[in-house]
């Protein structure tokens, strides 16, 4: 349904962070649907994306952003500094994730785009006393990355109220799955997967009862497709969780992956930690109410795609 609607309404779409993990998937899927995609990244255009219009530039530069948005009807804003990079350089974290987002919003406002999609993070919820995480919960970010993403969300809200820009904020939970360019990802599920595939027991560095809501990249892309074609009415809350609604603890993740390799004999090494368990679990109801989106790839099936 979503694909038909997008194809029937051809758009020129700017994708920031187009060379990143999610960005490459977005560009590939939307281009294969016959849409005109303009990618923006600090990196050169990947060799496999020769049919995509490409601008090599930085969202920190307002002039680059104005040139990149020119002629586009929609913006999918994915570009951001990673969590690890944010910890290493807090100042750069806010320059990219917050001021950069301001530059993209301002360029979109000046050009007059029809739709702006901002990908935030479920990490903005931080430590909550109750689960699942609801969009109405007060955010309590506990990392620089999450704080910078929340600042981006606040900027989006101000552009909605001040300039009537149509913005949808997608709070993505733990996105996993294969990479388009086969680049290895240093995320918990892939690290565990690699070790178990070699017959080695994984090491859990955080509290073993810490948990995440793992959502497959193909489901995430489908949520973005739906956001592209779904109007958000004035007065409607535009922040939407993108997750499965299922919580998987780190210890459970190890045993799930071990069972897929028939290596249930492998026991994880748990490093002693004084940390409290921190869990993120999406309440998926608003995504269904507003976008008619529901994740449909079970974790076990999605993990098997890591070998594709």
Protein backbone atom coordinates (compact mmCIF):
# COMPACT_ATOMS: atom_id res chain seq x y z
CA UNK A 1 0.00 0.00 0.00
CA UNK A 2 2.76 2.43 0.96
CA UNK A 3 4.82 1.67 -2.12
CA UNK A 4 1.89 2.22 -4.47
CA UNK A 5 1.10 5.58 -2.87
CA UNK A 6 4.67 6.81 -3.20
CA UNK A 7 4.97 5.69 -6.82
CA UNK A 8 1.67 7.36 -7.71
CA UNK A 9 3.04 10.64 -6.34
CA UNK A 10 6.58 10.94 -7.76
CA UNK A 11 8.84 13.08 -5.60
CA UNK A 12 12.36 14.41 -5.52
CA UNK A 13 13.63 13.49 -2.09
CA UNK A 14 16.76 14.66 -0.31
CA UNK A 15 18.32 12.05 1.96
CA UNK A 16 20.94 13.41 4.35
CA UNK A 17 23.45 10.94 5.73
CA UNK A 18 22.94 8.97 2.52
CA UNK A 19 26.16 6.97 2.84
CA UNK A 20 25.31 5.75 6.34
CA UNK A 21 23.82 2.41 7.33
CA UNK A 22 20.16 3.48 7.20
CA UNK A 23 20.80 6.03 4.46
CA UNK A 24 22.08 3.46 1.99
CA UNK A 25 19.01 1.28 2.57
CA UNK A 26 16.68 4.26 2.13
CA UNK A 27 18.38 5.35 -1.09
CA UNK A 28 18.36 1.84 -2.57
CA UNK A 29 14.71 1.10 -1.78
CA UNK A 30 13.31 4.46 -2.89
CA UNK A 31 15.44 4.53 -6.04
CA UNK A 32 14.26 1.04 -6.97
CA UNK A 33 10.71 2.37 -6.66
CA UNK A 34 11.48 4.87 -9.41
CA UNK A 35 11.81 7.95 -7.23
CA UNK A 36 14.36 10.71 -7.77
CA UNK A 37 16.74 10.56 -4.83
CA UNK A 38 19.36 13.16 -4.06
CA UNK A 39 21.88 11.92 -1.52
CA UNK A 40 23.92 14.21 0.72
CA UNK A 41 26.95 12.95 2.62
CA UNK A 42 30.44 13.95 3.62
CA UNK A 43 31.56 10.77 1.83
CA UNK A 44 31.78 10.17 -1.92
CA UNK A 45 28.91 8.42 -3.64
CA UNK A 46 29.13 4.62 -3.18
CA UNK A 47 29.99 2.78 -6.37
CA UNK A 48 26.65 0.96 -6.35
CA UNK A 49 24.67 4.24 -6.32
CA UNK A 50 25.56 5.59 -9.73
CA UNK A 51 21.88 6.27 -10.53
CA UNK A 52 21.49 8.57 -7.53
CA UNK A 53 22.12 12.30 -7.68
CA UNK A 54 24.85 12.96 -5.14
CA UNK A 55 26.14 15.99 -3.25
CA UNK A 56 29.27 15.62 -1.18
CA UNK A 57 28.94 18.12 1.63
CA UNK A 58 28.25 18.73 5.29
CA UNK A 59 25.01 19.65 7.05
CA UNK A 60 27.04 22.01 9.24
CA UNK A 61 27.33 24.35 6.23
CA UNK A 62 24.07 26.32 5.66
CA UNK A 63 24.92 27.13 2.02
CA UNK A 64 25.50 23.47 1.22
CA UNK A 65 22.14 22.66 2.77
CA UNK A 66 20.28 25.31 0.79
CA UNK A 67 21.80 23.98 -2.44
CA UNK A 68 21.00 20.39 -1.45
CA UNK A 69 17.32 21.06 -0.66
CA UNK A 70 16.70 23.18 -3.78
CA UNK A 71 14.14 21.48 -6.01
CA UNK A 72 13.20 18.80 -3.47
CA UNK A 73 9.69 18.23 -2.19
CA UNK A 74 10.68 16.05 0.78
CA UNK A 75 13.63 15.72 3.13
CA UNK A 76 14.60 12.57 5.04
CA UNK A 77 17.11 13.79 7.61
CA UNK A 78 19.31 10.89 8.75
CA UNK A 79 22.72 12.54 9.06
CA UNK A 80 24.12 12.48 12.58
CA UNK A 81 27.23 11.79 14.61
CA UNK A 82 27.27 8.30 16.13
CA UNK A 83 26.96 7.63 19.84
CA UNK A 84 30.64 6.67 20.17
CA UNK A 85 31.76 9.77 18.24
CA UNK A 86 29.51 11.96 20.43
CA UNK A 87 31.21 10.67 23.57
CA UNK A 88 34.63 11.43 22.13
CA UNK A 89 33.77 14.97 21.03
CA UNK A 90 30.74 16.52 22.81
CA UNK A 91 31.12 19.86 21.03
CA UNK A 92 31.10 18.24 17.60
CA UNK A 93 28.11 16.14 18.70
CA UNK A 94 25.97 19.25 19.10
CA UNK A 95 27.41 20.96 16.04
CA UNK A 96 26.34 18.05 13.85
CA UNK A 97 23.26 16.61 15.54
CA UNK A 98 21.70 19.86 16.73
CA UNK A 99 23.06 22.82 14.73
CA UNK A 100 23.24 20.60 11.66
CA UNK A 101 19.58 19.71 12.11
CA UNK A 102 18.77 23.42 12.44
CA UNK A 103 20.53 24.05 9.11
CA UNK A 104 18.54 21.29 7.39
CA UNK A 105 15.26 22.58 8.84
CA UNK A 106 16.01 26.16 7.83
CA UNK A 107 16.92 25.18 4.28
CA UNK A 108 13.72 23.13 4.06
CA UNK A 109 11.70 26.10 5.31
CA UNK A 110 13.30 28.52 2.86
CA UNK A 111 12.74 26.20 -0.09
CA UNK A 112 9.25 25.26 1.09
CA UNK A 113 9.34 21.46 1.18
CA UNK A 114 6.13 19.50 1.62
CA UNK A 115 7.40 16.97 4.17
CA UNK A 116 10.33 16.74 6.58
CA UNK A 117 11.16 13.44 8.26
CA UNK A 118 13.60 13.54 11.17
CA UNK A 119 15.00 10.31 12.55
CA UNK A 120 15.51 10.61 16.27
CA UNK A 121 16.29 7.82 18.75
CA UNK A 122 14.47 5.81 21.37
CA UNK A 123 17.43 6.63 23.59
CA UNK A 124 15.89 10.03 24.35
CA UNK A 125 13.70 8.25 26.92
CA UNK A 126 16.71 7.40 29.08
CA UNK A 127 15.97 5.71 32.39
CA UNK A 128 12.24 5.35 32.86
CA UNK A 129 10.38 3.84 35.79
CA UNK A 130 7.90 2.14 33.51
CA UNK A 131 7.89 0.34 30.21
CA UNK A 132 7.04 0.43 27.39
CA UNK A 133 8.31 3.88 26.41
CA UNK A 134 5.41 6.09 25.37
CA UNK A 135 5.76 9.22 23.27
CA UNK A 136 4.04 11.15 26.07
CA UNK A 137 6.78 10.18 28.57
CA UNK A 138 9.12 12.96 29.68
CA UNK A 139 12.47 12.37 27.92
CA UNK A 140 15.43 11.77 30.22
CA UNK A 141 18.48 11.34 27.97
CA UNK A 142 21.54 9.89 29.68
CA UNK A 143 24.02 10.17 26.80
CA UNK A 144 25.34 13.06 24.75
CA UNK A 145 24.01 11.38 21.63
CA UNK A 146 20.48 11.17 23.05
CA UNK A 147 20.64 14.74 24.36
CA UNK A 148 21.69 16.08 20.96
CA UNK A 149 18.90 14.11 19.26
CA UNK A 150 16.35 15.50 21.70
CA UNK A 151 17.55 19.03 20.90
CA UNK A 152 16.92 18.21 17.23
CA UNK A 153 13.39 17.11 18.11
CA UNK A 154 12.75 20.39 19.94
CA UNK A 155 13.93 22.34 16.91
CA UNK A 156 11.52 20.33 14.75
CA UNK A 157 8.65 21.22 17.07
CA UNK A 158 9.55 24.91 16.89
CA UNK A 159 9.52 24.82 13.07
CA UNK A 160 6.10 23.19 13.14
CA UNK A 161 4.69 25.85 15.44
CA UNK A 162 6.47 28.87 13.97
CA UNK A 163 6.57 28.08 10.26
CA UNK A 164 3.91 25.36 9.86
CA UNK A 165 6.50 23.01 8.38
CA UNK A 166 5.09 19.49 8.15
CA UNK A 167 7.50 17.39 10.20
CA UNK A 168 7.34 13.78 11.35
CA UNK A 169 9.79 12.69 14.05
CA UNK A 170 10.53 8.97 14.04
CA UNK A 171 12.11 7.73 17.27
CA UNK A 172 14.00 4.69 16.05
CA UNK A 173 14.82 1.99 18.56
CA UNK A 174 17.70 -0.51 18.05
CA UNK A 175 17.98 -0.90 14.29
CA UNK A 176 19.75 -4.07 13.12
CA UNK A 177 20.23 -6.07 9.94
CA UNK A 178 22.68 -6.47 7.05
CA UNK A 179 24.56 -3.55 5.51
CA UNK A 180 24.10 -2.66 1.85
CA UNK A 181 27.87 -2.40 1.32
CA UNK A 182 28.65 -5.39 3.61
CA UNK A 183 30.51 -3.13 6.04
CA UNK A 184 30.64 -4.84 9.44
CA UNK A 185 28.63 -3.11 12.15
CA UNK A 186 30.01 -2.91 15.68
CA UNK A 187 26.66 -3.31 17.41
CA UNK A 188 25.80 -5.71 20.20
CA UNK A 189 23.85 -8.21 18.10
CA UNK A 190 26.52 -8.40 15.40
CA UNK A 191 29.35 -8.71 17.93
CA UNK A 192 27.54 -11.57 19.66
CA UNK A 193 26.73 -13.14 16.28
CA UNK A 194 30.33 -13.09 15.11
CA UNK A 195 31.64 -14.65 18.32
CA UNK A 196 28.99 -17.38 18.47
CA UNK A 197 29.53 -18.23 14.79
CA UNK A 198 33.17 -18.91 15.70
CA UNK A 199 32.22 -21.03 18.68
CA UNK A 200 33.29 -18.41 21.20
CA UNK A 201 31.19 -17.33 24.20
CA UNK A 202 30.11 -13.65 24.01
CA UNK A 203 31.05 -11.21 26.72
CA UNK A 204 28.33 -9.06 28.26
CA UNK A 205 29.83 -5.75 29.38
CA UNK A 206 26.65 -4.14 30.73
CA UNK A 207 24.04 -5.41 33.17
CA UNK A 208 22.76 -8.68 31.63
CA UNK A 209 19.16 -7.64 32.27
CA UNK A 210 19.58 -4.45 30.26
CA UNK A 211 17.29 -4.73 27.28
CA UNK A 212 16.55 -3.27 23.88
CA UNK A 213 13.77 -3.22 21.32
CA UNK A 214 15.45 -4.63 18.22
CA UNK A 215 13.78 -3.61 14.97
CA UNK A 216 14.94 -4.84 11.58
CA UNK A 217 16.18 -2.37 8.99
CA UNK A 218 13.53 -3.50 6.48
CA UNK A 219 10.78 -2.59 8.95
CA UNK A 220 12.44 0.77 9.59
CA UNK A 221 12.52 1.54 5.87
CA UNK A 222 8.85 0.67 5.61
CA UNK A 223 8.07 3.12 8.43
CA UNK A 224 9.89 5.85 6.53
CA UNK A 225 7.97 5.03 3.35
CA UNK A 226 4.70 5.33 5.25
CA UNK A 227 5.80 8.61 6.85
CA UNK A 228 6.46 10.00 3.37
CA UNK A 229 2.89 9.48 2.23
CA UNK A 230 0.95 10.01 5.46
CA UNK A 231 -0.24 13.56 6.16
CA UNK A 232 0.01 14.67 9.78
CA UNK A 233 -2.86 17.00 10.60
CA UNK A 234 -2.26 20.24 12.48
CA UNK A 235 -2.57 19.63 16.19
CA UNK A 236 -1.67 15.95 15.87
CA UNK A 237 1.37 14.85 17.85
CA UNK A 238 4.04 14.16 15.27
CA UNK A 239 6.50 12.14 17.39
CA UNK A 240 6.24 8.43 16.61
CA UNK A 241 8.06 5.43 18.07
CA UNK A 242 9.46 2.97 15.54
CA UNK A 243 10.00 -0.32 17.33
CA UNK A 244 8.53 -3.78 17.70
CA UNK A 245 7.12 -3.34 21.19
CA UNK A 246 9.19 -6.37 22.30
CA UNK A 247 11.95 -6.19 24.92
CA UNK A 248 14.99 -8.46 24.59
CA UNK A 249 17.57 -8.48 27.37
CA UNK A 250 21.25 -8.93 26.62
CA UNK A 251 21.31 -12.35 28.24
CA UNK A 252 18.26 -13.40 26.21
CA UNK A 253 19.89 -12.12 23.04
CA UNK A 254 22.88 -14.38 23.62
CA UNK A 255 20.71 -17.45 24.05
CA UNK A 256 18.54 -16.59 21.03
CA UNK A 257 21.59 -16.25 18.80
CA UNK A 258 23.24 -19.36 20.25
CA UNK A 259 20.12 -21.38 19.49
CA UNK A 260 20.20 -20.24 15.85
CA UNK A 261 23.67 -21.79 15.62
CA UNK A 262 22.63 -24.85 17.64
CA UNK A 263 25.19 -23.81 20.23
CA UNK A 264 23.08 -23.64 23.36
CA UNK A 265 26.11 -25.00 25.21
CA UNK A 266 27.81 -21.60 24.89
CA UNK A 267 27.44 -19.57 28.06
CA UNK A 268 28.18 -15.84 28.03
CA UNK A 269 30.87 -14.27 30.16
CA UNK A 270 29.31 -11.59 32.32
CA UNK A 271 31.63 -8.79 33.40
CA UNK A 272 30.87 -7.55 36.89
CA UNK A 273 29.09 -4.22 36.75
CA UNK A 274 27.54 -1.88 39.28
CA UNK A 275 25.31 -0.38 36.62
CA UNK A 276 21.57 -0.64 36.89
CA UNK A 277 19.81 -2.40 34.03
CA UNK A 278 18.67 0.11 31.41
CA UNK A 279 15.88 -0.92 29.08
CA UNK A 280 14.29 0.63 26.00
CA UNK A 281 11.01 -0.75 24.70
CA UNK A 282 8.74 1.05 22.26
CA UNK A 283 5.04 1.45 22.74
CA UNK A 284 4.07 0.88 19.08
CA UNK A 285 0.44 1.98 19.26
CA UNK A 286 0.84 5.51 17.89
CA UNK A 287 2.79 4.20 14.88
CA UNK A 288 -0.21 2.05 14.02
CA UNK A 289 -2.74 4.80 14.70
CA UNK A 290 -0.99 7.46 12.59
CA UNK A 291 1.03 5.52 10.01
CA UNK A 292 -0.65 2.10 9.99
CA UNK A 293 2.84 0.77 10.69
CA UNK A 294 3.54 -2.44 12.57
CA UNK A 295 6.88 -4.23 12.61
CA UNK A 296 6.50 -7.68 11.08
CA UNK A 297 10.00 -9.24 11.15
CA UNK A 298 10.54 -11.42 14.25
CA UNK A 299 13.95 -11.13 15.91
CA UNK A 300 14.98 -14.72 15.13
CA UNK A 301 14.20 -14.27 11.43
CA UNK A 302 15.85 -10.87 11.33
CA UNK A 303 19.05 -12.14 12.91
CA UNK A 304 19.38 -14.77 10.21
CA UNK A 305 19.57 -11.92 7.68
CA UNK A 306 22.96 -10.99 9.16
CA UNK A 307 24.44 -13.78 7.06
CA UNK A 308 22.88 -12.54 3.79
